[in-house]
């Protein structure tokens, strides 16, 4: 049964559907660059098929969003779509990416995990430190020891 067209769209549905369509189109274009339409068994066939399905679904989402009345004018509705905690965690992730090369994987990841746990509402600093140190140690063990992947050491310690 198709969704009713008389209910109001959630805030931002049209914008999200449009962004999804743009991203899907870009992925289809990128997948075409792998091997084009050379063969149905070429390296790019599966990525192109998956991206084509994404484009079709995104078109359906855009069409559905365009038929429903928009409630985006309600400012409180945007807090449901993009809550402040999401914005703060996105900024924390951007900061993590900026300091990763300079501070190194271990310190940057530890700081990011501690900040993220705090932003998500945890006030138990002892537990947060234990979880963050344990997570960074586990990642170090798996990647550096098992897979022999060198994690960034950072230039901060090199002087």
Protein backbone atom coordinates (compact mmCIF):
# COMPACT_ATOMS: atom_id res chain seq x y z
CA UNK A 1 0.00 0.00 0.00
CA UNK A 2 1.58 3.34 -1.01
CA UNK A 3 2.01 5.98 1.66
CA UNK A 4 -0.75 8.53 2.02
CA UNK A 5 -0.11 11.80 0.21
CA UNK A 6 -2.23 13.87 2.59
CA UNK A 7 0.15 13.61 5.55
CA UNK A 8 2.79 16.27 5.93
CA UNK A 9 6.35 15.38 5.07
CA UNK A 10 8.86 15.34 7.91
CA UNK A 11 11.08 18.42 7.97
CA UNK A 12 13.91 18.14 5.48
CA UNK A 13 12.56 15.11 3.60
CA UNK A 14 12.77 16.85 0.22
CA UNK A 15 16.27 18.16 0.86
CA UNK A 16 17.46 14.74 2.04
CA UNK A 17 15.89 12.95 -0.93
CA UNK A 18 17.48 15.44 -3.33
CA UNK A 19 20.88 15.02 -1.68
CA UNK A 20 20.46 11.26 -1.91
CA UNK A 21 19.68 11.57 -5.61
CA UNK A 22 22.78 13.71 -6.21
CA UNK A 23 24.99 11.29 -4.29
CA UNK A 24 23.52 8.29 -6.13
CA UNK A 25 24.07 9.99 -9.48
CA UNK A 26 27.68 10.74 -8.55
CA UNK A 27 28.22 7.12 -7.51
CA UNK A 28 26.74 5.90 -10.80
CA UNK A 29 29.03 8.24 -12.72
CA UNK A 30 32.05 7.07 -10.67
CA UNK A 31 31.14 3.41 -11.15
CA UNK A 32 30.85 3.98 -14.91
CA UNK A 33 34.43 5.22 -14.84
CA UNK A 34 35.68 1.81 -13.64
CA UNK A 35 35.07 -0.01 -16.92
CA UNK A 36 32.11 1.65 -18.59
CA UNK A 37 29.59 -0.60 -20.30
CA UNK A 38 32.34 -2.96 -21.54
CA UNK A 39 30.67 -6.15 -20.34
CA UNK A 40 28.10 -7.43 -17.86
CA UNK A 41 30.90 -9.29 -16.06
CA UNK A 42 33.42 -6.44 -15.98
CA UNK A 43 34.80 -4.95 -12.79
CA UNK A 44 32.38 -2.02 -12.89
CA UNK A 45 29.21 -4.00 -13.59
CA UNK A 46 28.20 -4.62 -9.96
CA UNK A 47 28.98 -1.07 -8.72
CA UNK A 48 27.04 0.36 -11.68
CA UNK A 49 24.08 -1.92 -10.98
CA UNK A 50 24.05 -1.03 -7.28
CA UNK A 51 24.34 2.70 -8.06
CA UNK A 52 21.57 2.45 -10.66
CA UNK A 53 19.27 0.88 -8.06
CA UNK A 54 20.19 3.73 -5.71
CA UNK A 55 19.31 6.32 -8.39
CA UNK A 56 15.93 4.68 -9.02
CA UNK A 57 15.13 4.55 -5.30
CA UNK A 58 16.25 8.16 -4.82
CA UNK A 59 14.02 9.24 -7.70
CA UNK A 60 11.10 7.50 -5.97
CA UNK A 61 11.93 9.32 -2.72
CA UNK A 62 12.14 12.69 -4.47
CA UNK A 63 8.82 12.06 -6.24
CA UNK A 64 7.11 11.05 -2.97
CA UNK A 65 8.56 14.05 -1.12
CA UNK A 66 7.41 16.42 -3.85
CA UNK A 67 3.81 15.18 -3.57
CA UNK A 68 3.56 15.72 0.19
CA UNK A 69 3.13 19.12 1.86
CA UNK A 70 6.33 20.30 3.51
CA UNK A 71 6.60 21.15 7.19
CA UNK A 72 10.14 22.51 6.90
CA UNK A 73 8.98 26.00 7.85
CA UNK A 74 8.66 24.91 11.48
CA UNK A 75 12.06 25.70 13.06
CA UNK A 76 11.54 23.19 15.87
CA UNK A 77 11.14 20.47 13.26
CA UNK A 78 14.75 20.89 12.15
CA UNK A 79 15.91 19.95 15.65
CA UNK A 80 14.31 16.54 15.04
CA UNK A 81 16.17 16.13 11.76
CA UNK A 82 19.52 17.56 12.86
CA UNK A 83 19.72 17.50 16.66
CA UNK A 84 22.46 19.57 18.29
CA UNK A 85 24.28 16.44 19.48
CA UNK A 86 24.66 15.37 15.85
CA UNK A 87 26.11 18.74 14.89
CA UNK A 88 28.56 18.68 17.81
CA UNK A 89 29.66 15.12 17.02
CA UNK A 90 30.13 16.07 13.37
CA UNK A 91 32.36 18.95 14.47
CA UNK A 92 34.25 16.58 16.77
CA UNK A 93 34.81 14.18 13.87
CA UNK A 94 36.05 17.03 11.67
CA UNK A 95 38.41 18.08 14.46
CA UNK A 96 39.62 14.49 14.76
CA UNK A 97 40.44 14.42 11.06
CA UNK A 98 42.33 17.70 11.38
CA UNK A 99 44.50 16.65 14.34
CA UNK A 100 45.03 13.00 13.36
CA UNK A 101 48.19 13.58 11.33
CA UNK A 102 49.74 15.96 13.86
CA UNK A 103 48.79 14.19 17.12
CA UNK A 104 48.90 10.64 15.80
CA UNK A 105 46.30 7.92 15.81
CA UNK A 106 46.50 6.95 19.49
CA UNK A 107 46.21 10.40 21.07
CA UNK A 108 43.73 11.77 18.51
CA UNK A 109 41.49 8.69 18.78
CA UNK A 110 41.60 8.73 22.58
CA UNK A 111 40.62 12.41 22.66
CA UNK A 112 37.89 11.91 20.04
CA UNK A 113 36.37 8.95 21.88
CA UNK A 114 36.38 10.78 25.22
CA UNK A 115 34.81 13.90 23.67
CA UNK A 116 32.20 11.85 21.79
CA UNK A 117 31.18 9.95 24.92
CA UNK A 118 30.83 13.24 26.77
CA UNK A 119 28.80 14.79 23.95
CA UNK A 120 26.51 11.76 23.96
CA UNK A 121 25.77 12.35 27.63
CA UNK A 122 28.10 10.08 29.57
CA UNK A 123 29.36 11.64 32.79
CA UNK A 124 31.26 8.60 34.07
CA UNK A 125 34.82 9.73 33.33
CA UNK A 126 36.48 6.65 34.80
CA UNK A 127 34.44 4.33 32.63
CA UNK A 128 34.88 6.60 29.60
CA UNK A 129 38.66 6.56 29.96
CA UNK A 130 38.68 2.78 30.40
CA UNK A 131 36.49 2.23 27.31
CA UNK A 132 38.48 4.70 25.18
CA UNK A 133 41.85 3.25 26.19
CA UNK A 134 40.53 -0.27 25.66
CA UNK A 135 39.14 0.59 22.22
CA UNK A 136 42.36 2.27 21.08
CA UNK A 137 44.42 -0.65 22.45
CA UNK A 138 42.19 -3.18 20.67
CA UNK A 139 42.45 -1.26 17.39
CA UNK A 140 46.23 -1.05 17.83
CA UNK A 141 46.43 -4.78 18.51
CA UNK A 142 44.31 -5.72 15.51
CA UNK A 143 45.76 -3.36 12.94
CA UNK A 144 49.40 -2.97 13.95
CA UNK A 145 50.04 -6.44 15.33
CA UNK A 146 47.72 -8.74 13.38
CA UNK A 147 47.49 -6.92 10.02
CA UNK A 148 50.90 -5.14 10.21
CA UNK A 149 49.32 -1.80 9.32
CA UNK A 150 51.34 1.14 10.58
CA UNK A 151 49.08 3.60 12.37
CA UNK A 152 50.00 7.30 12.13
CA UNK A 153 52.41 8.20 14.94
CA UNK A 154 51.98 11.95 14.53
CA UNK A 155 54.45 14.73 14.00
CA UNK A 156 53.80 16.32 17.38
CA UNK A 157 56.26 13.95 19.07
CA UNK A 158 59.00 14.38 16.48
CA UNK A 159 59.80 17.90 17.58
